[in-house]
C-alpha atoms as a PDB file:
ATOM      1  CA  MET A   1      80.922 -35.960 -43.541  1.00  0.00           C
ATOM      2  CA  TYR A   2      80.431 -39.275 -43.007  1.00  0.00           C
ATOM      3  CA  THR A   3      83.096 -42.057 -44.903  1.00  0.00           C
ATOM      4  CA  LYS A   4      82.774 -45.201 -43.072  1.00  0.00           C
ATOM      5  CA  LEU A   5      79.556 -47.398 -42.780  1.00  0.00           C
ATOM      6  CA  THR A   6      79.681 -50.779 -40.618  1.00  0.00           C
ATOM      7  CA  TYR A   7      76.760 -53.069 -40.053  1.00  0.00           C
ATOM      8  CA  LYS A   8      75.311 -55.944 -38.101  1.00  0.00           C
ATOM      9  CA  PRO A   9      72.740 -58.623 -38.931  1.00  0.00           C
ATOM     10  CA  LEU A  10      70.217 -58.290 -36.480  1.00  0.00           C
ATOM     11  CA  TRP A  11      67.173 -60.262 -37.257  1.00  0.00           C
ATOM     12  CA  THR A  12      64.344 -61.894 -39.975  1.00  0.00           C
ATOM     13  CA  LEU A  13      61.034 -60.522 -39.651  1.00  0.00           C
ATOM     14  CA  LYS A  14      57.981 -59.754 -42.262  1.00  0.00           C
ATOM     15  CA  SER A  15      58.978 -58.176 -45.610  1.00  0.00           C
ATOM     16  CA  GLY A  16      57.643 -55.081 -46.894  1.00  0.00           C
ATOM     17  CA  GLN A  17      57.778 -51.353 -47.743  1.00  0.00           C
ATOM     18  CA  ASP A  18      59.036 -48.510 -45.413  1.00  0.00           C
ATOM     19  CA  GLY A  19      57.873 -48.745 -41.733  1.00  0.00           C
ATOM     20  CA  THR A  20      58.782 -46.921 -38.383  1.00  0.00           C
ATOM     21  CA  ILE A  21      59.275 -47.710 -34.393  1.00  0.00           C
ATOM     22  CA  TRP A  22      58.094 -46.235 -31.476  1.00  0.00           C
ATOM     23  CA  GLY A  23      58.853 -47.418 -27.848  1.00  0.00           C
ATOM     24  CA  ASP A  24      59.184 -51.252 -28.466  1.00  0.00           C
ATOM     25  CA  PHE A  25      57.018 -51.621 -31.185  1.00  0.00           C
ATOM     26  CA  ILE A  26      58.028 -52.063 -35.113  1.00  0.00           C
ATOM     27  CA  PHE A  27      55.276 -51.071 -37.645  1.00  0.00           C
ATOM     28  CA  ARG A  28      56.345 -52.594 -40.920  1.00  0.00           C
ATOM     29  CA  PHE A  29      53.831 -51.555 -43.402  1.00  0.00           C
ATOM     30  CA  ASN A  30      53.076 -53.395 -47.373  1.00  0.00           C
ATOM     31  CA  GLY A  31      52.365 -51.387 -50.267  1.00  0.00           C
ATOM     32  CA  ARG A  32      48.324 -51.180 -49.448  1.00  0.00           C
ATOM     33  CA  GLY A  33      47.983 -49.672 -46.351  1.00  0.00           C
ATOM     34  CA  ASP A  34      48.127 -53.098 -44.036  1.00  0.00           C
ATOM     35  CA  CYS A  35      50.750 -53.136 -41.365  1.00  0.00           C
ATOM     36  CA  GLN A  36      51.892 -55.685 -39.183  1.00  0.00           C
ATOM     37  CA  VAL A  37      53.408 -54.976 -35.821  1.00  0.00           C
ATOM     38  CA  PHE A  38      56.282 -56.500 -33.788  1.00  0.00           C
ATOM     39  CA  THR A  39      58.007 -55.866 -30.421  1.00  0.00           C
ATOM     40  CA  LEU A  40      61.598 -54.577 -30.767  1.00  0.00           C
ATOM     41  CA  SER A  41      62.840 -56.333 -27.445  1.00  0.00           C
ATOM     42  CA  ASN A  42      61.839 -59.768 -28.443  1.00  0.00           C
ATOM     43  CA  ARG A  43      61.049 -59.203 -32.354  1.00  0.00           C
ATOM     44  CA  GLN A  44      57.786 -61.172 -32.078  1.00  0.00           C
ATOM     45  CA  TYR A  45      54.381 -60.781 -34.033  1.00  0.00           C
ATOM     46  CA  PHE A  46      52.094 -58.374 -31.765  1.00  0.00           C
ATOM     47  CA  ALA A  47      49.139 -57.259 -33.820  1.00  0.00           C
ATOM     48  CA  SER A  48      48.053 -56.467 -37.381  1.00  0.00           C
ATOM     49  CA  PHE A  49      45.742 -53.269 -38.758  1.00  0.00           C
ATOM     50  CA  THR A  50      44.963 -51.776 -41.846  1.00  0.00           C
ATOM     51  CA  LEU A  51      44.967 -47.851 -42.171  1.00  0.00           C
ATOM     52  CA  ASP A  52      41.359 -45.923 -42.417  1.00  0.00           C
ATOM     53  CA  GLN A  53      40.111 -45.558 -45.502  1.00  0.00           C
ATOM     54  CA  THR A  54      42.074 -47.191 -48.131  1.00  0.00           C
ATOM     55  CA  ASP A  55      39.231 -47.457 -50.498  1.00  0.00           C
ATOM     56  CA  LEU A  56      39.763 -43.424 -50.985  1.00  0.00           C
ATOM     57  CA  PHE A  57      43.520 -43.126 -50.118  1.00  0.00           C
ATOM     58  CA  SER A  58      45.868 -46.442 -50.670  1.00  0.00           C
ATOM     59  CA  PRO A  59      49.504 -45.653 -49.161  1.00  0.00           C
ATOM     60  CA  HIS A  60      52.392 -47.329 -50.851  1.00  0.00           C
ATOM     61  CA  SER A  61      54.050 -46.405 -47.601  1.00  0.00           C
ATOM     62  CA  ASN A  62      57.227 -45.884 -49.587  1.00  0.00           C
ATOM     63  CA  ALA A  63      58.293 -43.893 -46.465  1.00  0.00           C
ATOM     64  CA  VAL A  64      56.416 -43.558 -43.159  1.00  0.00           C
ATOM     65  CA  ALA A  65      57.332 -41.548 -40.203  1.00  0.00           C
ATOM     66  CA  PHE A  66      55.794 -40.609 -36.492  1.00  0.00           C
ATOM     67  CA  GLY A  67      55.407 -37.144 -36.115  1.00  0.00           C
ATOM     68  CA  ALA A  68      55.379 -33.914 -33.404  1.00  0.00           C
ATOM     69  CA  GLU A  69      51.531 -33.880 -32.678  1.00  0.00           C
ATOM     70  CA  ARG A  70      49.246 -36.258 -30.945  1.00  0.00           C
ATOM     71  CA  TRP A  71      45.149 -36.042 -31.654  1.00  0.00           C
ATOM     72  CA  GLU A  72      44.695 -36.065 -28.122  1.00  0.00           C
ATOM     73  CA  GLU A  73      46.890 -35.503 -25.138  1.00  0.00           C
ATOM     74  CA  ASN A  74      47.185 -38.773 -24.058  1.00  0.00           C
ATOM     75  CA  ASP A  75      47.134 -40.729 -27.135  1.00  0.00           C
ATOM     76  CA  GLU A  76      49.783 -43.168 -26.937  1.00  0.00           C
ATOM     77  CA  PHE A  77      51.415 -42.339 -30.422  1.00  0.00           C
ATOM     78  CA  PRO A  78      51.814 -39.377 -32.580  1.00  0.00           C
ATOM     79  CA  LEU A  79      50.411 -38.657 -35.875  1.00  0.00           C
ATOM     80  CA  LEU A  80      51.588 -41.249 -38.750  1.00  0.00           C
ATOM     81  CA  TYR A  81      52.611 -40.279 -41.935  1.00  0.00           C
ATOM     82  CA  THR A  82      53.112 -42.215 -44.999  1.00  0.00           C
ATOM     83  CA  ASN A  83      52.968 -41.407 -48.756  1.00  0.00           C
ATOM     84  CA  LEU A  84      50.714 -42.665 -51.635  1.00  0.00           C
ATOM     85  CA  TYR A  85      53.772 -42.763 -53.536  1.00  0.00           C
ATOM     86  CA  ASN A  86      53.501 -44.588 -57.103  1.00  0.00           C
ATOM     87  CA  ASN A  87      49.968 -46.795 -56.101  1.00  0.00           C
ATOM     88  CA  TYR A  88      48.104 -44.550 -58.427  1.00  0.00           C
ATOM     89  CA  ALA A  89      50.747 -44.475 -61.496  1.00  0.00           C
ATOM     90  CA  LYS A  90      48.082 -45.772 -63.700  1.00  0.00           C
ATOM     91  CA  ALA A  91      44.983 -43.981 -62.720  1.00  0.00           C
ATOM     92  CA  GLU A  92      43.946 -40.713 -64.503  1.00  0.00           C
ATOM     93  CA  ASP A  93      44.831 -38.862 -61.423  1.00  0.00           C
ATOM     94  CA  ARG A  94      48.038 -40.336 -60.375  1.00  0.00           C
ATOM     95  CA  ARG A  95      48.084 -38.315 -56.981  1.00  0.00           C
ATOM     96  CA  GLU A  96      51.484 -36.939 -57.062  1.00  0.00           C
ATOM     97  CA  GLY A  97      53.252 -35.699 -54.000  1.00  0.00           C
ATOM     98  CA  VAL A  98      50.448 -37.027 -51.400  1.00  0.00           C
ATOM     99  CA  CYS A  99      51.078 -37.986 -48.017  1.00  0.00           C
ATOM    100  CA  CYS A 100      48.263 -39.185 -45.267  1.00  0.00           C
ATOM    101  CA  VAL A 101      48.304 -38.477 -41.606  1.00  0.00           C
ATOM    102  CA  TYR A 102      46.717 -40.936 -39.440  1.00  0.00           C
ATOM    103  CA  ARG A 103      45.657 -41.299 -35.711  1.00  0.00           C
ATOM    104  CA  ILE A 104      46.611 -44.181 -34.184  1.00  0.00           C
ATOM    105  CA  THR A 105      45.379 -45.740 -30.815  1.00  0.00           C
ATOM    106  CA  ARG A 106      45.433 -49.330 -29.147  1.00  0.00           C
ATOM    107  CA  GLU A 107      43.503 -51.106 -26.762  1.00  0.00           C
ATOM    108  CA  ASP A 108      45.976 -53.952 -25.741  1.00  0.00           C
ATOM    109  CA  LYS A 109      46.579 -55.769 -29.038  1.00  0.00           C
ATOM    110  CA  THR A 110      43.833 -54.150 -30.942  1.00  0.00           C
ATOM    111  CA  PHE A 111      45.020 -50.987 -33.319  1.00  0.00           C
ATOM    112  CA  SER A 112      42.521 -48.526 -34.373  1.00  0.00           C
ATOM    113  CA  THR A 113      43.323 -45.810 -37.211  1.00  0.00           C
ATOM    114  CA  LYS A 114      41.935 -42.849 -38.791  1.00  0.00           C
ATOM    115  CA  LEU A 115      42.724 -40.642 -41.323  1.00  0.00           C
ATOM    116  CA  VAL A 116      43.063 -37.249 -40.075  1.00  0.00           C
ATOM    117  CA  GLN A 117      44.756 -34.985 -42.807  1.00  0.00           C
ATOM    118  CA  VAL A 118      46.268 -35.374 -46.434  1.00  0.00           C
ATOM    119  CA  LEU A 119      48.851 -33.305 -47.283  1.00  0.00           C
ATOM    120  CA  ARG A 120      49.285 -32.322 -50.937  1.00  0.00           C
ATOM    121  CA  ILE A 121      52.351 -30.607 -52.468  1.00  0.00           C
ATOM    122  CA  GLY A 122      50.565 -27.896 -54.666  1.00  0.00           C
ATOM    123  CA  PHE A 123      53.429 -27.676 -57.617  1.00  0.00           C
ATOM    124  CA  VAL A 124      53.874 -30.988 -58.757  1.00  0.00           C
ATOM    125  CA  ASP A 125      53.302 -29.589 -62.281  1.00  0.00           C
ATOM    126  CA  ASP A 126      55.784 -26.809 -61.896  1.00  0.00           C
ATOM    127  CA  ARG A 127      58.783 -28.213 -64.089  1.00  0.00           C
ATOM    128  CA  ALA A 128      60.950 -25.912 -62.349  1.00  0.00           C
ATOM    129  CA  LEU A 129      60.274 -27.453 -59.020  1.00  0.00           C
ATOM    130  CA  TRP A 130      58.842 -30.902 -58.892  1.00  0.00           C
ATOM    131  CA  LYS A 131      58.447 -32.527 -61.965  1.00  0.00           C
ATOM    132  CA  SER A 132      61.142 -31.975 -64.677  1.00  0.00           C
ATOM    133  CA  GLN A 133      60.049 -33.775 -67.932  1.00  0.00           C
ATOM    134  CA  ASP A 134      57.533 -32.032 -70.327  1.00  0.00           C
ATOM    135  CA  ASP A 135      56.308 -35.477 -71.512  1.00  0.00           C
ATOM    136  CA  GLU A 136      55.281 -36.431 -68.044  1.00  0.00           C
ATOM    137  CA  SER A 137      58.187 -39.118 -68.635  1.00  0.00           C
ATOM    138  CA  ASP A 138      59.877 -38.828 -65.017  1.00  0.00           C
ATOM    139  CA  VAL A 139      60.034 -42.110 -63.910  1.00  0.00           C
ATOM    140  CA  ARG A 140      58.851 -41.340 -60.391  1.00  0.00           C
ATOM    141  CA  PRO A 141      57.159 -37.840 -60.122  1.00  0.00           C
ATOM    142  CA  TYR A 142      55.543 -38.972 -56.814  1.00  0.00           C
ATOM    143  CA  GLY A 143      57.493 -38.033 -54.187  1.00  0.00           C
ATOM    144  CA  ASN A 144      58.874 -39.006 -50.526  1.00  0.00           C
ATOM    145  CA  PHE A 145      58.031 -37.485 -47.109  1.00  0.00           C
ATOM    146  CA  VAL A 146      59.642 -37.611 -43.886  1.00  0.00           C
ATOM    147  CA  VAL A 147      59.336 -35.507 -40.269  1.00  0.00           C
ATOM    148  CA  ASP A 148      61.886 -34.095 -38.522  1.00  0.00           C
ATOM    149  CA  ALA A 149      59.679 -34.352 -35.161  1.00  0.00           C
ATOM    150  CA  GLY A 150      62.006 -32.650 -32.915  1.00  0.00           C
ATOM    151  CA  ALA A 151      62.087 -29.484 -35.120  1.00  0.00           C
ATOM    152  CA  LYS A 152      58.243 -29.750 -36.721  1.00  0.00           C
ATOM    153  CA  LYS A 153      59.629 -29.503 -40.208  1.00  0.00           C
ATOM    154  CA  LEU A 154      58.430 -31.570 -43.087  1.00  0.00           C
ATOM    155  CA  TYR A 155      60.490 -32.683 -46.215  1.00  0.00           C
ATOM    156  CA  ALA A 156      59.300 -33.602 -49.349  1.00  0.00           C
ATOM    157  CA  PHE A 157      61.593 -34.682 -52.054  1.00  0.00           C
ATOM    158  CA  VAL A 158      61.666 -35.997 -55.682  1.00  0.00           C
ATOM    159  CA  MET A 159      63.660 -37.628 -58.270  1.00  0.00           C
ATOM    160  CA  ARG A 160      63.933 -35.206 -61.510  1.00  0.00           C
ATOM    161  CA  ASP A 161      65.350 -37.302 -64.411  1.00  0.00           C
ATOM    162  CA  ARG A 162      66.157 -34.215 -66.700  1.00  0.00           C
ATOM    163  CA  ASP A 163      68.477 -32.549 -64.318  1.00  0.00           C
ATOM    164  CA  ARG A 164      69.543 -36.020 -62.777  1.00  0.00           C
ATOM    165  CA  LEU A 165      69.215 -34.937 -59.119  1.00  0.00           C
ATOM    166  CA  THR A 166      67.348 -35.210 -56.167  1.00  0.00           C
ATOM    167  CA  ARG A 167      65.102 -31.981 -55.028  1.00  0.00           C
ATOM    168  CA  TYR A 168      64.486 -31.313 -51.487  1.00  0.00           C
ATOM    169  CA  PHE A 169      61.733 -28.982 -49.871  1.00  0.00           C
ATOM    170  CA  GLU A 170      61.600 -27.914 -46.328  1.00  0.00           C
ATOM    171  CA  PHE A 171      58.476 -26.988 -44.729  1.00  0.00           C
ATOM    172  CA  ASP A 172      56.848 -26.277 -41.469  1.00  0.00           C
ATOM    173  CA  LEU A 173      55.153 -29.190 -40.466  1.00  0.00           C
ATOM    174  CA  PRO A 174      51.409 -28.914 -40.863  1.00  0.00           C
ATOM    175  CA  THR A 175      49.418 -28.909 -37.537  1.00  0.00           C
ATOM    176  CA  LEU A 176      45.865 -30.398 -36.887  1.00  0.00           C
ATOM    177  CA  ALA A 177      44.386 -27.062 -37.120  1.00  0.00           C
ATOM    178  CA  ASP A 178      45.729 -26.798 -40.598  1.00  0.00           C
ATOM    179  CA  GLY A 179      43.843 -27.536 -43.849  1.00  0.00           C
ATOM    180  CA  GLU A 180      40.039 -27.736 -45.267  1.00  0.00           C
ATOM    181  CA  ILE A 181      37.582 -30.419 -44.813  1.00  0.00           C
ATOM    182  CA  CYS A 182      37.334 -33.008 -47.119  1.00  0.00           C
ATOM    183  CA  GLU A 183      33.509 -33.659 -47.596  1.00  0.00           C
ATOM    184  CA  LYS A 184      34.276 -37.250 -49.057  1.00  0.00           C
ATOM    185  CA  CYS A 185      36.711 -38.450 -46.402  1.00  0.00           C
ATOM    186  CA  GLY A 186      36.139 -36.193 -43.450  1.00  0.00           C
ATOM    187  CA  ALA A 187      40.013 -35.494 -43.202  1.00  0.00           C
ATOM    188  CA  LYS A 188      41.322 -32.253 -43.767  1.00  0.00           C
ATOM    189  CA  VAL A 189      43.291 -31.529 -46.199  1.00  0.00           C
ATOM    190  CA  VAL A 190      46.788 -29.281 -46.637  1.00  0.00           C
ATOM    191  CA  THR A 191      48.184 -27.896 -49.737  1.00  0.00           C
ATOM    192  CA  LEU A 192      51.601 -26.914 -49.512  1.00  0.00           C
ATOM    193  CA  LYS A 193      52.449 -23.969 -52.077  1.00  0.00           C
ATOM    194  CA  LYS A 194      55.182 -22.318 -53.350  1.00  0.00           C
ATOM    195  CA  GLU A 195      55.195 -19.794 -51.066  1.00  0.00           C
ATOM    196  CA  ASP A 196      54.947 -22.229 -47.952  1.00  0.00           C
ATOM    197  CA  ILE A 197      58.572 -23.674 -49.041  1.00  0.00           C
ATOM    198  CA  LEU A 198      61.109 -22.633 -46.364  1.00  0.00           C
ATOM    199  CA  ALA A 199      64.222 -23.989 -48.043  1.00  0.00           C
ATOM    200  CA  GLN A 200      64.695 -26.005 -51.433  1.00  0.00           C
ATOM    201  CA  PHE A 201      68.396 -27.341 -52.211  1.00  0.00           C
ATOM    202  CA  ASP A 202      69.380 -30.781 -54.434  1.00  0.00           C
ATOM    203  CA  GLY A 203      71.385 -33.732 -53.910  1.00  0.00           C
ATOM    204  CA  ALA A 204      72.773 -36.494 -56.123  1.00  0.00           C
ATOM    205  CA  TYR A 205      70.142 -38.086 -58.015  1.00  0.00           C
ATOM    206  CA  ALA A 206      68.662 -41.343 -56.442  1.00  0.00           C
ATOM    207  CA  ASN A 207      67.972 -44.185 -58.598  1.00  0.00           C
ATOM    208  CA  TYR A 208      64.492 -45.122 -57.465  1.00  0.00           C
ATOM    209  CA  ILE A 209      63.817 -43.722 -53.656  1.00  0.00           C
ATOM    210  CA  GLN A 210      62.810 -46.405 -51.136  1.00  0.00           C
ATOM    211  CA  GLY A 211      62.840 -45.988 -47.566  1.00  0.00           C
ATOM    212  CA  ALA A 212      64.004 -42.955 -45.441  1.00  0.00           C
ATOM    213  CA  CYS A 213      63.665 -41.190 -42.479  1.00  0.00           C
ATOM    214  CA  CYS A 214      64.973 -37.901 -40.469  1.00  0.00           C
ATOM    215  CA  ARG A 215      66.208 -36.932 -36.983  1.00  0.00           C
ATOM    216  CA  ASP A 216      67.733 -33.736 -36.010  1.00  0.00           C
ATOM    217  CA  GLY A 217      67.953 -32.097 -39.573  1.00  0.00           C
ATOM    218  CA  ILE A 218      69.650 -35.268 -40.996  1.00  0.00           C
ATOM    219  CA  ILE A 219      67.976 -37.284 -43.733  1.00  0.00           C
ATOM    220  CA  TYR A 220      68.522 -40.981 -44.386  1.00  0.00           C
ATOM    221  CA  SER A 221      67.201 -42.344 -47.516  1.00  0.00           C
ATOM    222  CA  VAL A 222      67.760 -45.713 -49.258  1.00  0.00           C
ATOM    223  CA  GLU A 223      67.463 -46.217 -52.710  1.00  0.00           C
ATOM    224  CA  GLY A 224      67.417 -49.227 -55.260  1.00  0.00           C
ATOM    225  CA  PHE A 225      66.779 -52.781 -56.298  1.00  0.00           C
ATOM    226  CA  ASN A 226      68.056 -55.990 -56.041  1.00  0.00           C
ATOM    227  CA  VAL A 227      71.665 -56.570 -57.463  1.00  0.00           C
ATOM    228  CA  THR A 228      71.633 -60.214 -59.328  1.00  0.00           C
ATOM    229  CA  CYS A 229      74.275 -62.151 -61.278  1.00  0.00           C
ATOM    230  CA  ALA A 230      72.298 -61.276 -64.316  1.00  0.00           C
ATOM    231  CA  ASN A 231      72.596 -57.420 -63.593  1.00  0.00           C
ATOM    232  CA  PRO A 232      75.755 -56.654 -61.463  1.00  0.00           C
ATOM    233  CA  GLU A 233      76.544 -53.310 -63.185  1.00  0.00           C
ATOM    234  CA  THR A 234      73.091 -52.403 -62.797  1.00  0.00           C
ATOM    235  CA  PRO A 235      73.051 -48.391 -61.773  1.00  0.00           C
ATOM    236  CA  ASN A 236      69.798 -48.708 -59.375  1.00  0.00           C
ATOM    237  CA  ARG A 237      71.987 -50.540 -57.014  1.00  0.00           C
ATOM    238  CA  PRO A 238      71.281 -50.383 -53.098  1.00  0.00           C
ATOM    239  CA  ARG A 239      72.411 -47.345 -51.637  1.00  0.00           C
ATOM    240  CA  LEU A 240      72.086 -45.170 -48.485  1.00  0.00           C
ATOM    241  CA  GLN A 241      72.351 -41.413 -49.103  1.00  0.00           C
ATOM    242  CA  VAL A 242      72.705 -38.907 -46.192  1.00  0.00           C
ATOM    243  CA  MET A 243      71.432 -35.390 -46.357  1.00  0.00           C
ATOM    244  CA  ASP A 244      72.488 -32.562 -43.919  1.00  0.00           C
ATOM    245  CA  ALA A 245      69.087 -30.506 -44.434  1.00  0.00           C
ATOM    246  CA  LYS A 246      70.510 -27.716 -42.105  1.00  0.00           C
ATOM    247  CA  SER A 247      73.553 -27.057 -44.401  1.00  0.00           C
ATOM    248  CA  ARG A 248      71.878 -28.361 -47.024  1.00  0.00           C
ATOM    249  CA  THR A 249      74.525 -30.632 -48.018  1.00  0.00           C
ATOM    250  CA  GLN A 250      75.218 -34.313 -48.749  1.00  0.00           C
ATOM    251  CA  ILE A 251      77.316 -35.539 -45.693  1.00  0.00           C
ATOM    252  CA  GLY A 252      77.148 -39.438 -46.857  1.00  0.00           C
ATOM    253  CA  ASP A 253      77.078 -41.891 -49.811  1.00  0.00           C
ATOM    254  CA  PHE A 254      77.220 -45.290 -49.553  1.00  0.00           C
ATOM    255  CA  ASP A 255      77.039 -48.436 -52.290  1.00  0.00           C
ATOM    256  CA  LEU A 256      75.331 -50.946 -50.092  1.00  0.00           C
ATOM    257  CA  ALA A 257      75.840 -53.438 -52.839  1.00  0.00           C
ATOM    258  CA  ASP A 258      79.674 -53.303 -52.638  1.00  0.00           C
ATOM    259  CA  MET A 259      79.316 -53.853 -48.710  1.00  0.00           C
ATOM    260  CA  GLY A 260      77.150 -57.489 -49.663  1.00  0.00           C
ATOM    261  CA  LEU A 261      73.887 -55.950 -49.064  1.00  0.00           C
ATOM    262  CA  LEU A 262      72.647 -57.111 -52.164  1.00  0.00           C
ATOM    263  CA  MET A 263      68.491 -57.069 -51.722  1.00  0.00           C
ATOM    264  CA  GLU A 264      66.195 -54.185 -52.571  1.00  0.00           C
ATOM    265  CA  PRO A 265      66.386 -51.361 -49.845  1.00  0.00           C
ATOM    266  CA  GLU A 266      63.373 -50.712 -47.993  1.00  0.00           C
ATOM    267  CA  PHE A 267      63.115 -49.584 -44.214  1.00  0.00           C
ATOM    268  CA  ILE A 268      65.167 -47.308 -42.198  1.00  0.00           C
ATOM    269  CA  GLU A 269      64.505 -45.962 -39.175  1.00  0.00           C
ATOM    270  CA  TRP A 270      66.237 -44.816 -35.580  1.00  0.00           C
ATOM    271  CA  ALA A 271      65.410 -47.220 -32.514  1.00  0.00           C
ATOM    272  CA  GLY A 272      66.949 -45.198 -29.701  1.00  0.00           C
ATOM    273  CA  ASP A 273      70.650 -44.330 -30.821  1.00  0.00           C
ATOM    274  CA  THR A 274      70.748 -47.214 -33.275  1.00  0.00           C
ATOM    275  CA  LEU A 275      70.154 -46.977 -37.132  1.00  0.00           C
ATOM    276  CA  ILE A 276      67.981 -50.031 -38.289  1.00  0.00           C
ATOM    277  CA  TYR A 277      67.789 -50.904 -41.932  1.00  0.00           C
ATOM    278  CA  SER A 278      65.744 -53.706 -43.428  1.00  0.00           C
ATOM    279  CA  ASP A 279      65.481 -55.258 -46.877  1.00  0.00           C
ATOM    280  CA  ALA A 280      62.481 -56.062 -49.046  1.00  0.00           C
ATOM    281  CA  ARG A 281      62.805 -59.696 -47.504  1.00  0.00           C
ATOM    282  CA  GLY A 282      62.630 -58.449 -43.733  1.00  0.00           C
ATOM    283  CA  ASN A 283      66.507 -58.841 -42.939  1.00  0.00           C
ATOM    284  CA  TYR A 284      67.164 -56.168 -40.321  1.00  0.00           C
ATOM    285  CA  PHE A 285      70.513 -54.472 -39.650  1.00  0.00           C
ATOM    286  CA  SER A 286      72.112 -52.105 -37.354  1.00  0.00           C
ATOM    287  CA  PHE A 287      74.065 -49.242 -39.306  1.00  0.00           C
ATOM    288  CA  VAL A 288      76.873 -47.325 -37.837  1.00  0.00           C
ATOM    289  CA  LEU A 289      78.045 -44.261 -39.604  1.00  0.00           C
ATOM    290  CA  GLU A 290      81.650 -42.738 -38.994  1.00  0.00           C
END
């Protein structure tokens, strides 16, 4: 059980949603599929790119992760996973529980991407599992996705308003061989059904889930919005929850605002053995959990 969190300011880079880190690259996405890449070693801007087919699938990138498999064996990067989240909240089809998977390649400073797979939660309308309200009033029924690349597991989790809890689902990470080709986008679509659930467990209610990552079966999830003089007692405070997916128990819960981190959380990811966090303004910090 983690009972202490300390942090140190690191640097300020581009603001945005969640992102991820691979090698010497920090990938920071906005809410429409655009990414800016920075070098981790000297925190300099390196390149920009836009994800493939954002006219058909526009990821909010509320949670972003590299996976375990590569499109080709010699690819520099594993497959990239990023979710649509609430980008279609006002559409007739809200695309709840959808995560897109991309191949990323690089030629010097030029990045190219290809949509290769779409993951869908097939039980988003099951009120006993995913959504909780009969009148469609759950505030965020869209879900985050994180990948435990080492264990080849996929975790999806969602806020359930009626129960006031966060529900987690564990799946085997789909392979590139899985799914059926979508004629419109050319990618394979994998529908994760109830019978595909390996484990299901609940954690404390997350007041507006933000960025997340997973390593060695531990899910690190940040949440909340800004705390200002006008709303010092808001329940939607910046917060970090730590969930052990192996024991299915929460092993950490930290009010970041109490520690002076008042800006909306967005990004959390491991860089080697350092857990790195960033807020919506692009301020980066290292976190140490004890």
